PDB file of N, CA and C in Angstrom:
ATOM      1  N   MET A   1     -33.025  -0.393 -14.412  1.00  0.00           N
ATOM      2  CA  MET A   1     -32.068   0.857 -13.525  1.00  0.00           C
ATOM      3  C   MET A   1     -32.337   0.298 -11.995  1.00  0.00           C
ATOM      4  N   ALA A   2     -31.559   0.726 -11.357  1.00  0.00           N
ATOM      5  CA  ALA A   2     -31.126   0.648 -10.098  1.00  0.00           C
ATOM      6  C   ALA A   2     -32.581   1.879  -9.332  1.00  0.00           C
ATOM      7  N   ARG A   3     -33.186   1.287  -8.432  1.00  0.00           N
ATOM      8  CA  ARG A   3     -33.726   2.227  -7.354  1.00  0.00           C
ATOM      9  C   ARG A   3     -32.985   2.368  -6.187  1.00  0.00           C
ATOM     10  N   PRO A   4     -33.003   3.635  -5.557  1.00  0.00           N
ATOM     11  CA  PRO A   4     -32.459   4.118  -4.513  1.00  0.00           C
ATOM     12  C   PRO A   4     -32.827   3.190  -3.326  1.00  0.00           C
ATOM     13  N   LEU A   5     -32.464   2.940  -2.116  1.00  0.00           N
ATOM     14  CA  LEU A   5     -33.176   2.210  -0.956  1.00  0.00           C
ATOM     15  C   LEU A   5     -33.272   3.708  -0.270  1.00  0.00           C
ATOM     16  N   VAL A   6     -34.470   3.864   0.063  1.00  0.00           N
ATOM     17  CA  VAL A   6     -35.171   5.302   0.887  1.00  0.00           C
ATOM     18  C   VAL A   6     -35.610   4.627   1.912  1.00  0.00           C
ATOM     19  N   ILE A   7     -35.042   5.282   3.433  1.00  0.00           N
ATOM     20  CA  ILE A   7     -35.614   4.800   4.656  1.00  0.00           C
ATOM     21  C   ILE A   7     -36.217   5.880   5.180  1.00  0.00           C
ATOM     22  N   ASN A   8     -37.599   5.442   5.917  1.00  0.00           N
ATOM     23  CA  ASN A   8     -38.189   6.493   6.786  1.00  0.00           C
ATOM     24  C   ASN A   8     -37.629   6.461   7.747  1.00  0.00           C
ATOM     25  N   PRO A   9     -36.960   7.428   8.596  1.00  0.00           N
ATOM     26  CA  PRO A   9     -36.612   7.783   9.813  1.00  0.00           C
ATOM     27  C   PRO A   9     -37.595   7.231  10.578  1.00  0.00           C
ATOM     28  N   ASN A  10     -38.697   7.627  10.587  1.00  0.00           N
ATOM     29  CA  ASN A  10     -39.733   7.462  11.940  1.00  0.00           C
ATOM     30  C   ASN A  10     -39.938   6.099  12.115  1.00  0.00           C
ATOM     31  N   THR A  11     -39.765   5.118  10.921  1.00  0.00           N
ATOM     32  CA  THR A  11     -40.081   3.521  11.226  1.00  0.00           C
ATOM     33  C   THR A  11     -38.954   2.780  12.014  1.00  0.00           C
ATOM     34  N   VAL A  12     -37.480   3.154  11.545  1.00  0.00           N
ATOM     35  CA  VAL A  12     -36.505   2.833  12.154  1.00  0.00           C
ATOM     36  C   VAL A  12     -36.046   3.191  13.574  1.00  0.00           C
ATOM     37  N   ASN A  13     -35.576   2.100  14.382  1.00  0.00           N
ATOM     38  CA  ASN A  13     -35.497   2.163  15.755  1.00  0.00           C
ATOM     39  C   ASN A  13     -33.861   2.802  15.672  1.00  0.00           C
ATOM     40  N   VAL A  14     -33.029   2.954  16.625  1.00  0.00           N
ATOM     41  CA  VAL A  14     -31.668   3.024  16.614  1.00  0.00           C
ATOM     42  C   VAL A  14     -30.603   1.655  16.635  1.00  0.00           C
ATOM     43  N   ASN A  15     -31.312   0.901  16.982  1.00  0.00           N
ATOM     44  CA  ASN A  15     -30.390  -0.557  17.064  1.00  0.00           C
ATOM     45  C   ASN A  15     -30.552  -0.807  15.241  1.00  0.00           C
ATOM     46  N   ASN A  16     -31.555  -0.741  14.874  1.00  0.00           N
ATOM     47  CA  ASN A  16     -31.335  -1.243  13.403  1.00  0.00           C
ATOM     48  C   ASN A  16     -30.567  -0.050  12.571  1.00  0.00           C
ATOM     49  N   LYS A  17     -30.333   1.282  13.053  1.00  0.00           N
ATOM     50  CA  LYS A  17     -29.423   2.296  12.576  1.00  0.00           C
ATOM     51  C   LYS A  17     -28.230   1.551  12.422  1.00  0.00           C
ATOM     52  N   LEU A  18     -27.818   1.417  13.710  1.00  0.00           N
ATOM     53  CA  LEU A  18     -26.106   0.894  13.921  1.00  0.00           C
ATOM     54  C   LEU A  18     -25.984  -0.566  13.112  1.00  0.00           C
ATOM     55  N   LYS A  19     -26.728  -0.874  13.305  1.00  0.00           N
ATOM     56  CA  LYS A  19     -26.369  -2.364  12.414  1.00  0.00           C
ATOM     57  C   LYS A  19     -26.356  -2.226  10.998  1.00  0.00           C
ATOM     58  N   TYR A  20     -27.120  -1.029  10.392  1.00  0.00           N
ATOM     59  CA  TYR A  20     -26.956  -0.695   8.739  1.00  0.00           C
ATOM     60  C   TYR A  20     -25.506  -0.202   9.213  1.00  0.00           C
ATOM     61  N   CYS A  21     -25.177   0.686   9.414  1.00  0.00           N
ATOM     62  CA  CYS A  21     -23.924   1.438   9.815  1.00  0.00           C
ATOM     63  C   CYS A  21     -22.853   0.585   9.971  1.00  0.00           C
ATOM     64  N   ASP A  22     -22.899  -0.587  10.995  1.00  0.00           N
ATOM     65  CA  ASP A  22     -21.798  -1.135  11.072  1.00  0.00           C
ATOM     66  C   ASP A  22     -21.634  -2.038   9.765  1.00  0.00           C
ATOM     67  N   ASN A  23     -22.710  -2.792   9.139  1.00  0.00           N
ATOM     68  CA  ASN A  23     -22.374  -3.604   7.982  1.00  0.00           C
ATOM     69  C   ASN A  23     -21.875  -2.580   7.079  1.00  0.00           C
ATOM     70  N   THR A  24     -22.131  -1.129   6.597  1.00  0.00           N
ATOM     71  CA  THR A  24     -21.724  -0.343   5.386  1.00  0.00           C
ATOM     72  C   THR A  24     -20.136  -0.573   5.764  1.00  0.00           C
ATOM     73  N   ILE A  25     -19.802  -0.322   7.008  1.00  0.00           N
ATOM     74  CA  ILE A  25     -18.410   0.038   7.399  1.00  0.00           C
ATOM     75  C   ILE A  25     -17.384  -1.445   6.733  1.00  0.00           C
ATOM     76  N   TYR A  26     -18.457  -2.460   7.160  1.00  0.00           N
ATOM     77  CA  TYR A  26     -17.582  -4.089   6.987  1.00  0.00           C
ATOM     78  C   TYR A  26     -17.540  -3.747   5.291  1.00  0.00           C
ATOM     79  N   VAL A  27     -18.419  -3.686   4.770  1.00  0.00           N
ATOM     80  CA  VAL A  27     -18.547  -3.846   3.240  1.00  0.00           C
ATOM     81  C   VAL A  27     -17.567  -2.699   2.505  1.00  0.00           C
ATOM     82  N   GLN A  28     -17.232  -1.610   2.882  1.00  0.00           N
ATOM     83  CA  GLN A  28     -16.156  -0.523   2.416  1.00  0.00           C
ATOM     84  C   GLN A  28     -15.006  -0.962   3.196  1.00  0.00           C
ATOM     85  N   GLY A  29     -14.601  -1.813   3.816  1.00  0.00           N
ATOM     86  CA  GLY A  29     -13.720  -1.945   4.507  1.00  0.00           C
ATOM     87  C   GLY A  29     -13.116  -3.289   3.596  1.00  0.00           C
ATOM     88  N   ALA A  30     -13.797  -4.030   3.368  1.00  0.00           N
ATOM     89  CA  ALA A  30     -13.756  -5.012   2.283  1.00  0.00           C
ATOM     90  C   ALA A  30     -13.499  -4.882   1.203  1.00  0.00           C
ATOM     91  N   LEU A  31     -14.237  -4.038   0.903  1.00  0.00           N
ATOM     92  CA  LEU A  31     -13.848  -3.162  -0.823  1.00  0.00           C
ATOM     93  C   LEU A  31     -12.606  -2.688  -0.880  1.00  0.00           C
ATOM     94  N   VAL A  32     -12.617  -1.668   0.370  1.00  0.00           N
ATOM     95  CA  VAL A  32     -10.731  -1.229   0.013  1.00  0.00           C
ATOM     96  C   VAL A  32      -9.509  -2.234   0.079  1.00  0.00           C
ATOM     97  N   SER A  33      -9.773  -2.747   0.937  1.00  0.00           N
ATOM     98  CA  SER A  33      -8.701  -3.703   1.114  1.00  0.00           C
ATOM     99  C   SER A  33      -8.491  -4.689  -0.284  1.00  0.00           C
ATOM    100  N   GLY A  34      -9.581  -4.973  -0.569  1.00  0.00           N
ATOM    101  CA  GLY A  34      -9.446  -5.905  -1.949  1.00  0.00           C
ATOM    102  C   GLY A  34      -8.813  -5.273  -2.748  1.00  0.00           C
ATOM    103  N   LEU A  35      -9.598  -3.546  -3.207  1.00  0.00           N
ATOM    104  CA  LEU A  35      -9.062  -3.298  -3.984  1.00  0.00           C
ATOM    105  C   LEU A  35      -7.152  -2.921  -3.599  1.00  0.00           C
ATOM    106  N   ALA A  36      -7.049  -2.693  -2.658  1.00  0.00           N
ATOM    107  CA  ALA A  36      -5.947  -2.460  -2.361  1.00  0.00           C
ATOM    108  C   ALA A  36      -4.825  -3.741  -2.856  1.00  0.00           C
ATOM    109  N   TYR A  37      -5.188  -4.609  -2.287  1.00  0.00           N
ATOM    110  CA  TYR A  37      -4.781  -6.081  -2.507  1.00  0.00           C
ATOM    111  C   TYR A  37      -4.246  -5.977  -4.166  1.00  0.00           C
ATOM    112  N   TYR A  38      -5.860  -5.922  -4.707  1.00  0.00           N
ATOM    113  CA  TYR A  38      -5.319  -6.047  -6.198  1.00  0.00           C
ATOM    114  C   TYR A  38      -4.722  -5.267  -6.985  1.00  0.00           C
ATOM    115  N   MET A  39      -4.162  -4.122  -6.319  1.00  0.00           N
ATOM    116  CA  MET A  39      -3.144  -3.143  -6.845  1.00  0.00           C
ATOM    117  C   MET A  39      -1.708  -3.156  -6.577  1.00  0.00           C
ATOM    118  N   GLN A  40      -1.444  -3.980  -5.653  1.00  0.00           N
ATOM    119  CA  GLN A  40      -0.419  -4.265  -5.122  1.00  0.00           C
ATOM    120  C   GLN A  40      -0.152  -5.231  -6.429  1.00  0.00           C
ATOM    121  N   VAL A  41      -0.802  -6.302  -6.293  1.00  0.00           N
ATOM    122  CA  VAL A  41      -0.301  -7.329  -7.182  1.00  0.00           C
ATOM    123  C   VAL A  41      -0.253  -7.040  -8.472  1.00  0.00           C
ATOM    124  N   TRP A  42      -0.823  -6.419  -8.817  1.00  0.00           N
ATOM    125  CA  TRP A  42      -1.054  -5.531 -10.423  1.00  0.00           C
ATOM    126  C   TRP A  42       0.387  -5.018 -10.409  1.00  0.00           C
ATOM    127  N   VAL A  43       1.087  -4.255  -9.744  1.00  0.00           N
ATOM    128  CA  VAL A  43       2.440  -3.695  -9.380  1.00  0.00           C
ATOM    129  C   VAL A  43       3.474  -4.479  -9.090  1.00  0.00           C
ATOM    130  N   ILE A  44       3.036  -5.987  -8.545  1.00  0.00           N
ATOM    131  CA  ILE A  44       4.168  -6.710  -8.366  1.00  0.00           C
ATOM    132  C   ILE A  44       4.477  -7.301  -9.419  1.00  0.00           C
ATOM    133  N   ASP A  45       3.233  -7.563 -10.380  1.00  0.00           N
ATOM    134  CA  ASP A  45       3.254  -8.312 -11.439  1.00  0.00           C
ATOM    135  C   ASP A  45       3.664  -7.635 -12.882  1.00  0.00           C
ATOM    136  N   LYS A  46       3.742  -6.058 -12.956  1.00  0.00           N
ATOM    137  CA  LYS A  46       4.177  -5.309 -14.027  1.00  0.00           C
ATOM    138  C   LYS A  46       5.803  -4.771 -13.930  1.00  0.00           C
ATOM    139  N   SER A  47       5.761  -4.573 -12.526  1.00  0.00           N
ATOM    140  CA  SER A  47       7.379  -4.139 -12.105  1.00  0.00           C
ATOM    141  C   SER A  47       8.155  -4.622 -11.344  1.00  0.00           C
ATOM    142  N   GLY A  48       7.570  -5.580 -10.464  1.00  0.00           N
ATOM    143  CA  GLY A  48       8.195  -6.623  -9.387  1.00  0.00           C
ATOM    144  C   GLY A  48       8.055  -6.114  -8.147  1.00  0.00           C
ATOM    145  N   PRO A  49       8.693  -6.503  -7.216  1.00  0.00           N
ATOM    146  CA  PRO A  49       8.682  -6.599  -5.654  1.00  0.00           C
ATOM    147  C   PRO A  49       9.228  -5.170  -5.670  1.00  0.00           C
ATOM    148  N   VAL A  50       9.966  -4.725  -5.854  1.00  0.00           N
ATOM    149  CA  VAL A  50      11.276  -3.914  -5.525  1.00  0.00           C
ATOM    150  C   VAL A  50      10.576  -2.532  -5.946  1.00  0.00           C
ATOM    151  N   PHE A  51       9.668  -2.233  -6.689  1.00  0.00           N
ATOM    152  CA  PHE A  51       8.968  -0.954  -7.064  1.00  0.00           C
ATOM    153  C   PHE A  51       7.731  -1.034  -6.072  1.00  0.00           C
ATOM    154  N   LEU A  52       7.170  -1.988  -5.542  1.00  0.00           N
ATOM    155  CA  LEU A  52       6.191  -1.839  -4.915  1.00  0.00           C
ATOM    156  C   LEU A  52       6.901  -1.507  -3.277  1.00  0.00           C
ATOM    157  N   ALA A  53       7.669  -1.770  -3.092  1.00  0.00           N
ATOM    158  CA  ALA A  53       8.776  -1.651  -1.947  1.00  0.00           C
ATOM    159  C   ALA A  53       9.098  -0.139  -2.106  1.00  0.00           C
ATOM    160  N   MET A  54       9.559   0.199  -3.276  1.00  0.00           N
ATOM    161  CA  MET A  54       9.516   2.081  -3.082  1.00  0.00           C
ATOM    162  C   MET A  54       8.211   2.933  -2.970  1.00  0.00           C
ATOM    163  N   THR A  55       7.189   2.205  -3.066  1.00  0.00           N
ATOM    164  CA  THR A  55       5.880   3.076  -2.801  1.00  0.00           C
ATOM    165  C   THR A  55       5.529   3.088  -1.614  1.00  0.00           C
ATOM    166  N   MET A  56       5.986   2.178  -0.795  1.00  0.00           N
ATOM    167  CA  MET A  56       5.902   2.556   0.507  1.00  0.00           C
ATOM    168  C   MET A  56       5.839   3.525   1.423  1.00  0.00           C
ATOM    169  N   PRO A  57       6.824   4.330   1.225  1.00  0.00           N
ATOM    170  CA  PRO A  57       6.985   5.538   1.793  1.00  0.00           C
ATOM    171  C   PRO A  57       5.870   6.438   1.480  1.00  0.00           C
ATOM    172  N   ILE A  58       5.529   6.394   0.332  1.00  0.00           N
ATOM    173  CA  ILE A  58       3.935   7.369  -0.147  1.00  0.00           C
ATOM    174  C   ILE A  58       2.915   6.984   0.503  1.00  0.00           C
ATOM    175  N   THR A  59       2.729   5.682   0.699  1.00  0.00           N
ATOM    176  CA  THR A  59       1.731   4.910   1.461  1.00  0.00           C
ATOM    177  C   THR A  59       1.653   5.925   2.985  1.00  0.00           C
ATOM    178  N   LEU A  60       3.231   5.635   3.286  1.00  0.00           N
ATOM    179  CA  LEU A  60       3.155   6.531   4.831  1.00  0.00           C
ATOM    180  C   LEU A  60       2.627   7.813   4.698  1.00  0.00           C
ATOM    181  N   ILE A  61       3.334   8.592   4.320  1.00  0.00           N
ATOM    182  CA  ILE A  61       3.307  10.294   3.976  1.00  0.00           C
ATOM    183  C   ILE A  61       1.803  10.325   4.050  1.00  0.00           C
ATOM    184  N   VAL A  62       0.833   9.414   2.737  1.00  0.00           N
ATOM    185  CA  VAL A  62      -0.566   9.858   2.578  1.00  0.00           C
ATOM    186  C   VAL A  62      -1.514   9.525   3.727  1.00  0.00           C
ATOM    187  N   THR A  63      -0.875   8.537   4.319  1.00  0.00           N
ATOM    188  CA  THR A  63      -1.529   8.003   5.667  1.00  0.00           C
ATOM    189  C   THR A  63      -1.448   9.449   6.853  1.00  0.00           C
ATOM    190  N   ILE A  64      -0.418   9.781   7.061  1.00  0.00           N
ATOM    191  CA  ILE A  64      -0.332  10.296   7.933  1.00  0.00           C
ATOM    192  C   ILE A  64      -1.125  11.948   7.658  1.00  0.00           C
ATOM    193  N   VAL A  65      -1.091  12.348   6.180  1.00  0.00           N
ATOM    194  CA  VAL A  65      -1.841  13.560   6.086  1.00  0.00           C
ATOM    195  C   VAL A  65      -2.972  13.486   6.016  1.00  0.00           C
ATOM    196  N   LEU A  66      -3.806  12.155   5.376  1.00  0.00           N
ATOM    197  CA  LEU A  66      -5.444  11.898   5.631  1.00  0.00           C
ATOM    198  C   LEU A  66      -5.587  12.322   6.990  1.00  0.00           C
ATOM    199  N   SER A  67      -4.922  11.074   7.961  1.00  0.00           N
ATOM    200  CA  SER A  67      -5.284  11.072   8.860  1.00  0.00           C
ATOM    201  C   SER A  67      -5.295  12.408  10.126  1.00  0.00           C
ATOM    202  N   SER A  68      -4.523  12.913   9.409  1.00  0.00           N
ATOM    203  CA  SER A  68      -4.141  14.515  10.223  1.00  0.00           C
ATOM    204  C   SER A  68      -5.472  15.237   9.688  1.00  0.00           C
ATOM    205  N   PHE A  69      -5.828  15.547   8.657  1.00  0.00           N
ATOM    206  CA  PHE A  69      -6.852  16.260   7.809  1.00  0.00           C
ATOM    207  C   PHE A  69      -8.241  15.589   8.198  1.00  0.00           C
ATOM    208  N   VAL A  70      -8.688  14.464   7.952  1.00  0.00           N
ATOM    209  CA  VAL A  70      -9.893  13.851   7.743  1.00  0.00           C
ATOM    210  C   VAL A  70     -10.135  13.574   9.245  1.00  0.00           C
ATOM    211  N   LEU A  71      -9.129  12.618   9.797  1.00  0.00           N
ATOM    212  CA  LEU A  71      -9.344  12.339  11.488  1.00  0.00           C
ATOM    213  C   LEU A  71      -8.975  13.048  12.426  1.00  0.00           C
ATOM    214  N   GLY A  72      -8.377  14.292  12.134  1.00  0.00           N
ATOM    215  CA  GLY A  72      -8.154  15.353  12.979  1.00  0.00           C
ATOM    216  C   GLY A  72      -7.179  15.238  13.916  1.00  0.00           C
ATOM    217  N   GLU A  73      -6.431  14.000  13.880  1.00  0.00           N
ATOM    218  CA  GLU A  73      -5.346  13.232  14.465  1.00  0.00           C
ATOM    219  C   GLU A  73      -4.200  14.315  14.438  1.00  0.00           C
ATOM    220  N   ALA A  74      -3.237  14.323  16.104  1.00  0.00           N
ATOM    221  CA  ALA A  74      -2.158  15.132  15.981  1.00  0.00           C
ATOM    222  C   ALA A  74      -0.850  14.675  15.165  1.00  0.00           C
ATOM    223  N   VAL A  75      -0.145  15.032  14.551  1.00  0.00           N
ATOM    224  CA  VAL A  75       0.903  14.975  14.201  1.00  0.00           C
ATOM    225  C   VAL A  75       2.302  15.282  14.980  1.00  0.00           C
ATOM    226  N   THR A  76       2.938  14.180  15.738  1.00  0.00           N
ATOM    227  CA  THR A  76       3.716  13.959  16.718  1.00  0.00           C
ATOM    228  C   THR A  76       4.861  14.135  16.509  1.00  0.00           C
ATOM    229  N   LEU A  77       5.974  14.598  17.055  1.00  0.00           N
ATOM    230  CA  LEU A  77       7.668  14.794  16.476  1.00  0.00           C
ATOM    231  C   LEU A  77       7.764  13.248  16.689  1.00  0.00           C
ATOM    232  N   GLY A  78       7.260  11.943  17.463  1.00  0.00           N
ATOM    233  CA  GLY A  78       7.437  10.597  17.469  1.00  0.00           C
ATOM    234  C   GLY A  78       7.467  10.115  15.984  1.00  0.00           C
ATOM    235  N   SER A  79       6.107  10.662  15.472  1.00  0.00           N
ATOM    236  CA  SER A  79       5.392   9.986  14.682  1.00  0.00           C
ATOM    237  C   SER A  79       6.125  10.537  13.317  1.00  0.00           C
ATOM    238  N   ILE A  80       6.944  11.547  13.063  1.00  0.00           N
ATOM    239  CA  ILE A  80       7.757  12.100  12.060  1.00  0.00           C
ATOM    240  C   ILE A  80       9.049  11.544  12.066  1.00  0.00           C
ATOM    241  N   ILE A  81       9.938  11.253  13.238  1.00  0.00           N
ATOM    242  CA  ILE A  81      10.884  10.783  13.044  1.00  0.00           C
ATOM    243  C   ILE A  81      10.886   9.250  12.890  1.00  0.00           C
ATOM    244  N   SER A  82      10.140   8.466  13.249  1.00  0.00           N
ATOM    245  CA  SER A  82       9.568   7.392  13.210  1.00  0.00           C
ATOM    246  C   SER A  82       9.810   6.472  11.812  1.00  0.00           C
ATOM    247  N   GLY A  83       8.810   7.648  11.251  1.00  0.00           N
ATOM    248  CA  GLY A  83       8.341   7.862   9.790  1.00  0.00           C
ATOM    249  C   GLY A  83      10.155   7.691   9.046  1.00  0.00           C
ATOM    250  N   VAL A  84      10.803   8.795   9.220  1.00  0.00           N
ATOM    251  CA  VAL A  84      12.000   9.007   8.433  1.00  0.00           C
ATOM    252  C   VAL A  84      12.434   8.054   8.655  1.00  0.00           C
ATOM    253  N   VAL A  85      12.814   7.222   9.733  1.00  0.00           N
ATOM    254  CA  VAL A  85      13.680   5.722  10.107  1.00  0.00           C
ATOM    255  C   VAL A  85      13.090   4.822   9.457  1.00  0.00           C
ATOM    256  N   MET A  86      11.762   4.786   9.047  1.00  0.00           N
ATOM    257  CA  MET A  86      11.487   3.826   8.724  1.00  0.00           C
ATOM    258  C   MET A  86      11.848   3.380   7.128  1.00  0.00           C
ATOM    259  N   VAL A  87      11.355   5.066   6.550  1.00  0.00           N
ATOM    260  CA  VAL A  87      11.794   5.059   4.905  1.00  0.00           C
ATOM    261  C   VAL A  87      13.047   5.191   4.732  1.00  0.00           C
ATOM    262  N   GLY A  88      14.030   5.894   5.720  1.00  0.00           N
ATOM    263  CA  GLY A  88      15.667   5.558   5.661  1.00  0.00           C
ATOM    264  C   GLY A  88      16.025   4.383   5.493  1.00  0.00           C
ATOM    265  N   GLY A  89      15.505   3.470   6.448  1.00  0.00           N
ATOM    266  CA  GLY A  89      15.648   1.882   6.011  1.00  0.00           C
ATOM    267  C   GLY A  89      15.488   1.443   5.061  1.00  0.00           C
ATOM    268  N   LEU A  90      14.053   1.266   4.766  1.00  0.00           N
ATOM    269  CA  LEU A  90      13.824   1.276   2.871  1.00  0.00           C
ATOM    270  C   LEU A  90      14.600   1.445   1.933  1.00  0.00           C
ATOM    271  N   TYR A  91      14.795   2.334   1.685  1.00  0.00           N
ATOM    272  CA  TYR A  91      15.881   3.111   0.824  1.00  0.00           C
ATOM    273  C   TYR A  91      17.613   2.737   1.394  1.00  0.00           C
ATOM    274  N   CYS A  92      17.595   2.519   2.391  1.00  0.00           N
ATOM    275  CA  CYS A  92      19.478   1.386   2.511  1.00  0.00           C
ATOM    276  C   CYS A  92      18.925   0.129   1.924  1.00  0.00           C
ATOM    277  N   VAL A  93      17.976  -0.585   2.066  1.00  0.00           N
ATOM    278  CA  VAL A  93      17.769  -2.006   1.646  1.00  0.00           C
ATOM    279  C   VAL A  93      17.593  -1.931   0.212  1.00  0.00           C
ATOM    280  N   LEU A  94      17.333  -0.985  -0.210  1.00  0.00           N
ATOM    281  CA  LEU A  94      16.942  -0.498  -1.916  1.00  0.00           C
ATOM    282  C   LEU A  94      18.201  -0.018  -2.332  1.00  0.00           C
ATOM    283  N   TRP A  95      18.974   0.220  -1.897  1.00  0.00           N
ATOM    284  CA  TRP A  95      20.589   0.708  -2.106  1.00  0.00           C
ATOM    285  C   TRP A  95      21.617  -0.385  -2.260  1.00  0.00           C
ATOM    286  N   ALA A  96      21.268  -1.198  -1.031  1.00  0.00           N
ATOM    287  CA  ALA A  96      21.850  -2.699  -0.947  1.00  0.00           C
ATOM    288  C   ALA A  96      21.857  -3.933  -2.460  1.00  0.00           C
ATOM    289  N   LYS A  97      20.102  -3.329  -2.458  1.00  0.00           N
ATOM    290  CA  LYS A  97      19.699  -4.553  -3.804  1.00  0.00           C
ATOM    291  C   LYS A  97      20.399  -3.806  -4.923  1.00  0.00           C
ATOM    292  N   LYS A  98      20.562  -2.788  -5.017  1.00  0.00           N
ATOM    293  CA  LYS A  98      21.022  -2.150  -6.316  1.00  0.00           C
ATOM    294  C   LYS A  98      22.654  -2.209  -6.572  1.00  0.00           C
ATOM    295  N   ALA A  99      23.580  -2.554  -5.368  1.00  0.00           N
ATOM    296  CA  ALA A  99      24.377  -2.862  -5.782  1.00  0.00           C
ATOM    297  C   ALA A  99      24.819  -4.025  -5.700  1.00  0.00           C
ATOM    298  N   GLU A 100      23.874  -5.253  -5.434  1.00  0.00           N
ATOM    299  CA  GLU A 100      24.061  -6.349  -5.288  1.00  0.00           C
ATOM    300  C   GLU A 100      23.745  -6.608  -6.957  1.00  0.00           C
ATOM    301  N   GLN A 101      22.920  -6.027  -7.392  1.00  0.00           N
ATOM    302  CA  GLN A 101      22.316  -6.452  -8.853  1.00  0.00           C
ATOM    303  C   GLN A 101      23.683  -5.839  -9.727  1.00  0.00           C
ATOM    304  N   ALA A 102      24.007  -4.577  -9.136  1.00  0.00           N
ATOM    305  CA  ALA A 102      25.332  -4.117  -9.895  1.00  0.00           C
ATOM    306  C   ALA A 102      26.365  -5.230 -10.161  1.00  0.00           C
ATOM    307  N   ILE A 103      26.812  -5.605  -9.031  1.00  0.00           N
ATOM    308  CA  ILE A 103      27.903  -6.560  -8.948  1.00  0.00           C
ATOM    309  C   ILE A 103      27.297  -7.913  -9.505  1.00  0.00           C
ATOM    310  N   ALA A 104      26.242  -8.633  -9.642  1.00  0.00           N
ATOM    311  CA  ALA A 104      25.765  -9.728 -10.387  1.00  0.00           C
ATOM    312  C   ALA A 104      26.118  -9.538 -11.592  1.00  0.00           C
ATOM    313  N   SER A 105      25.657  -8.311 -12.166  1.00  0.00           N
ATOM    314  CA  SER A 105      25.595  -8.101 -13.905  1.00  0.00           C
ATOM    315  C   SER A 105      27.027  -7.991 -14.202  1.00  0.00           C
ATOM    316  N   LYS A 106      27.984  -7.255 -13.384  1.00  0.00           N
ATOM    317  CA  LYS A 106      29.557  -7.347 -13.682  1.00  0.00           C
ATOM    318  C   LYS A 106      30.190  -8.771 -14.019  1.00  0.00           C
ATOM    319  N   GLU A 107      30.077  -9.753 -12.831  1.00  0.00           N
ATOM    320  CA  GLU A 107      30.299 -10.911 -12.647  1.00  0.00           C
ATOM    321  C   GLU A 107      29.809 -11.895 -13.804  1.00  0.00           C
ATOM    322  N   GLU A 108      28.646 -11.784 -14.579  1.00  0.00           N
ATOM    323  CA  GLU A 108      28.201 -12.291 -15.700  1.00  0.00           C
ATOM    324  C   GLU A 108      28.753 -11.615 -16.532  1.00  0.00           C
ATOM    325  N   ALA A 109      28.752 -10.551 -16.755  1.00  0.00           N
ATOM    326  CA  ALA A 109      29.658  -9.900 -17.808  1.00  0.00           C
ATOM    327  C   ALA A 109      31.060 -10.482 -18.509  1.00  0.00           C
ATOM    328  N   THR A 110      31.610 -10.695 -17.105  1.00  0.00           N
ATOM    329  CA  THR A 110      33.102 -11.462 -17.127  1.00  0.00           C
ATOM    330  C   THR A 110      32.956 -12.775 -17.546  1.00  0.00           C
ATOM    331  N   LEU A 111      31.974 -14.050 -17.462  1.00  0.00           N
ATOM    332  CA  LEU A 111      32.123 -14.941 -17.496  1.00  0.00           C
ATOM    333  C   LEU A 111      32.449 -15.256 -19.328  1.00  0.00           C
ATOM    334  N   PRO A 112      33.157 -16.116 -19.167  1.00  0.00           N
ATOM    335  CA  PRO A 112      33.288 -16.442 -20.685  1.00  0.00           C
ATOM    336  C   PRO A 112      32.524 -16.904 -21.619  1.00  0.00           C
ATOM    337  N   VAL A 113      31.993 -16.961 -22.791  1.00  0.00           N
ATOM    338  CA  VAL A 113      31.004 -16.812 -23.383  1.00  0.00           C
ATOM    339  C   VAL A 113      31.525 -18.884 -23.907  1.00  0.00           C
ATOM    340  N   GLN A 114      30.364 -19.750 -23.883  1.00  0.00           N
ATOM    341  CA  GLN A 114      30.913 -21.101 -24.172  1.00  0.00           C
ATOM    342  C   GLN A 114      29.735 -21.481 -25.523  1.00  0.00           C
ATOM    343  N   ALA A 115      30.468 -22.357 -26.098  1.00  0.00           N
ATOM    344  CA  ALA A 115      30.323 -22.290 -27.644  1.00  0.00           C
ATOM    345  C   ALA A 115      29.156 -23.616 -27.357  1.00  0.00           C
ATOM    346  N   THR A 116      28.468 -23.790 -28.147  1.00  0.00           N
ATOM    347  CA  THR A 116      27.185 -24.823 -28.185  1.00  0.00           C
ATOM    348  C   THR A 116      26.713 -25.537 -29.257  1.00  0.00           C
ATOM    349  N   GLN A 117      26.833 -26.248 -29.355  1.00  0.00           N
ATOM    350  CA  GLN A 117      26.496 -27.284 -30.580  1.00  0.00           C
ATOM    351  C   GLN A 117      24.787 -27.439 -30.869  1.00  0.00           C
ATOM    352  N   VAL A 118      25.156 -27.246 -32.432  1.00  0.00           N
ATOM    353  CA  VAL A 118      23.420 -26.881 -32.579  1.00  0.00           C
ATOM    354  C   VAL A 118      23.192 -28.197 -33.502  1.00  0.00           C
TER     355      VAL A 118
END
């Protein structure tokens, strides 16, 4: 069974506390980044890269909401407009990709079937 680390605040100086805090932030950042990359690779493996691209607007919205509530950052009109432009551009690309796939599937369906020897 793991035993929690107990630090006596009277015996630790300020510099050691800051080093401990910095190391904790680095470890948490590495773990969260690693988890995010793992989840992105998993989504690409299961659904393809287009589905991952469709989730990026959700990431943008979650980032804006969390930074507003957790960090207390102000949401400005410029950030909202730039978010709308980014999401609109992404969906234009996805729309074009869908149209391209529809044309390719129609062309594939109209090709004559070749007989093969067995």
